[in-house]
Amino acid sequence: MDRFPFPADLISAQQQWHDTYRALAAPRPRHTTELRRRLLALSVRIQWHPFWATPAGRTPAARVELRQRTAEGRTRVAA
C-alpha cells in the first residue's frame, strides 16, 4: 500500500520531469533550449500542484517519496 495518495497527474508530471532531465543530461543533447523550458514548466507544475496543500502533502517526506517512486519506476523500465 502506498503511504501517500498521489494524484495520477502529479505522478505523470514527475515521471515526465525525470525523463526530460535524463534527456538533458545525455551527452551532447539536441534541442537543449526546449528541454530546459520543458523541465522548468514541469518543475512549476509539480511545485504548485494542489496536492501539496492537503494534509498528506504537507510533509517533506511526501515530496521525497514522489521522487523516489517515480525514479525507481523509470530505472526498472530502462533496465
C-alpha atoms as a PDB file:
ATOM      1  CA  MET A   1       0.000   0.000   0.000  1.00  0.00           C
ATOM      2  CA  ASP A   2       1.230   3.467  -0.854  1.00  0.00           C
ATOM      3  CA  ARG A   3       1.928   5.782   2.030  1.00  0.00           C
ATOM      4  CA  PHE A   4       0.782   8.902   0.177  1.00  0.00           C
ATOM      5  CA  PRO A   5      -2.209   9.020  -2.205  1.00  0.00           C
ATOM      6  CA  PHE A   6      -0.572  10.916  -5.071  1.00  0.00           C
ATOM      7  CA  PRO A   7      -2.907  12.013  -7.891  1.00  0.00           C
ATOM      8  CA  ALA A   8      -2.212  10.469 -11.283  1.00  0.00           C
ATOM      9  CA  ASP A   9      -1.433  13.832 -12.917  1.00  0.00           C
ATOM     10  CA  LEU A  10       1.215  14.606 -10.287  1.00  0.00           C
ATOM     11  CA  ILE A  11       2.874  11.204 -10.771  1.00  0.00           C
ATOM     12  CA  SER A  12       2.798  11.696 -14.537  1.00  0.00           C
ATOM     13  CA  ALA A  13       4.358  15.167 -14.271  1.00  0.00           C
ATOM     14  CA  GLN A  14       7.141  13.851 -12.035  1.00  0.00           C
ATOM     15  CA  GLN A  15       7.827  10.962 -14.436  1.00  0.00           C
ATOM     16  CA  GLN A  16       7.982  13.405 -17.338  1.00  0.00           C
ATOM     17  CA  TRP A  17      10.352  15.559 -15.285  1.00  0.00           C
ATOM     18  CA  HIS A  18      12.696  12.600 -14.776  1.00  0.00           C
ATOM     19  CA  ASP A  19      12.546  11.718 -18.488  1.00  0.00           C
ATOM     20  CA  THR A  20      13.292  15.295 -19.519  1.00  0.00           C
ATOM     21  CA  TYR A  21      16.143  15.575 -17.023  1.00  0.00           C
ATOM     22  CA  ARG A  22      17.721  12.372 -18.344  1.00  0.00           C
ATOM     23  CA  ALA A  23      17.397  13.629 -21.922  1.00  0.00           C
ATOM     24  CA  LEU A  24      19.073  16.889 -20.945  1.00  0.00           C
ATOM     25  CA  ALA A  25      21.835  15.057 -19.050  1.00  0.00           C
ATOM     26  CA  ALA A  26      22.716  12.856 -22.021  1.00  0.00           C
ATOM     27  CA  PRO A  27      25.990  13.580 -23.787  1.00  0.00           C
ATOM     28  CA  ARG A  28      25.506  16.276 -26.410  1.00  0.00           C
ATOM     29  CA  PRO A  29      21.702  16.536 -26.177  1.00  0.00           C
ATOM     30  CA  ARG A  30      19.740  18.050 -29.015  1.00  0.00           C
ATOM     31  CA  HIS A  31      17.204  20.811 -28.526  1.00  0.00           C
ATOM     32  CA  THR A  32      18.616  21.852 -25.156  1.00  0.00           C
ATOM     33  CA  THR A  33      16.572  25.048 -25.032  1.00  0.00           C
ATOM     34  CA  GLU A  34      13.322  23.129 -25.492  1.00  0.00           C
ATOM     35  CA  LEU A  35      14.354  20.571 -22.887  1.00  0.00           C
ATOM     36  CA  ARG A  36      15.254  23.269 -20.375  1.00  0.00           C
ATOM     37  CA  ARG A  37      11.960  25.063 -20.924  1.00  0.00           C
ATOM     38  CA  ARG A  38      10.066  21.795 -20.523  1.00  0.00           C
ATOM     39  CA  LEU A  39      11.978  20.988 -17.328  1.00  0.00           C
ATOM     40  CA  LEU A  40      11.153  24.415 -15.938  1.00  0.00           C
ATOM     41  CA  ALA A  41       7.454  24.118 -16.844  1.00  0.00           C
ATOM     42  CA  LEU A  42       7.233  20.669 -15.268  1.00  0.00           C
ATOM     43  CA  SER A  43       9.007  21.919 -12.152  1.00  0.00           C
ATOM     44  CA  VAL A  44       6.443  24.691 -11.771  1.00  0.00           C
ATOM     45  CA  ARG A  45       3.552  22.289 -12.348  1.00  0.00           C
ATOM     46  CA  ILE A  46       4.909  19.904  -9.696  1.00  0.00           C
ATOM     47  CA  GLN A  47       5.789  22.624  -7.181  1.00  0.00           C
ATOM     48  CA  TRP A  48       2.367  24.294  -7.274  1.00  0.00           C
ATOM     49  CA  HIS A  49       0.213  21.180  -7.566  1.00  0.00           C
ATOM     50  CA  PRO A  50      -2.852  21.349  -5.252  1.00  0.00           C
ATOM     51  CA  PHE A  51      -1.855  18.038  -3.613  1.00  0.00           C
ATOM     52  CA  TRP A  52       0.831  19.832  -1.603  1.00  0.00           C
ATOM     53  CA  ALA A  53      -1.880  21.860   0.174  1.00  0.00           C
ATOM     54  CA  THR A  54      -3.595  18.722   1.516  1.00  0.00           C
ATOM     55  CA  PRO A  55      -2.684  17.247   4.913  1.00  0.00           C
ATOM     56  CA  ALA A  56      -0.913  14.293   3.261  1.00  0.00           C
ATOM     57  CA  GLY A  57       1.107  16.587   1.011  1.00  0.00           C
ATOM     58  CA  ARG A  58       2.329  18.976   3.677  1.00  0.00           C
ATOM     59  CA  THR A  59       5.180  16.753   4.862  1.00  0.00           C
ATOM     60  CA  PRO A  60       8.603  16.847   3.236  1.00  0.00           C
ATOM     61  CA  ALA A  61       8.519  13.044   3.173  1.00  0.00           C
ATOM     62  CA  ALA A  62       5.727  13.198   0.592  1.00  0.00           C
ATOM     63  CA  ARG A  63       7.951  15.044  -1.890  1.00  0.00           C
ATOM     64  CA  VAL A  64      10.800  12.622  -1.311  1.00  0.00           C
ATOM     65  CA  GLU A  65       8.552   9.608  -1.792  1.00  0.00           C
ATOM     66  CA  LEU A  66       7.118  11.035  -5.019  1.00  0.00           C
ATOM     67  CA  ARG A  67      10.614  11.465  -6.463  1.00  0.00           C
ATOM     68  CA  GLN A  68      11.750   8.023  -5.308  1.00  0.00           C
ATOM     69  CA  ARG A  69       8.633   6.240  -6.523  1.00  0.00           C
ATOM     70  CA  THR A  70       8.744   7.812  -9.982  1.00  0.00           C
ATOM     71  CA  ALA A  71      12.521   7.487 -10.388  1.00  0.00           C
ATOM     72  CA  GLU A  72      12.693   3.821  -9.456  1.00  0.00           C
ATOM     73  CA  GLY A  73       9.818   3.025 -11.801  1.00  0.00           C
ATOM     74  CA  ARG A  74      11.748   4.599 -14.675  1.00  0.00           C
ATOM     75  CA  THR A  75      15.004   2.800 -13.933  1.00  0.00           C
ATOM     76  CA  ARG A  76      13.201  -0.553 -13.882  1.00  0.00           C
ATOM     77  CA  VAL A  77      11.640   0.173 -17.273  1.00  0.00           C
ATOM     78  CA  ALA A  78      15.003   1.202 -18.724  1.00  0.00           C
ATOM     79  CA  ALA A  79      16.820  -1.843 -17.359  1.00  0.00           C
END
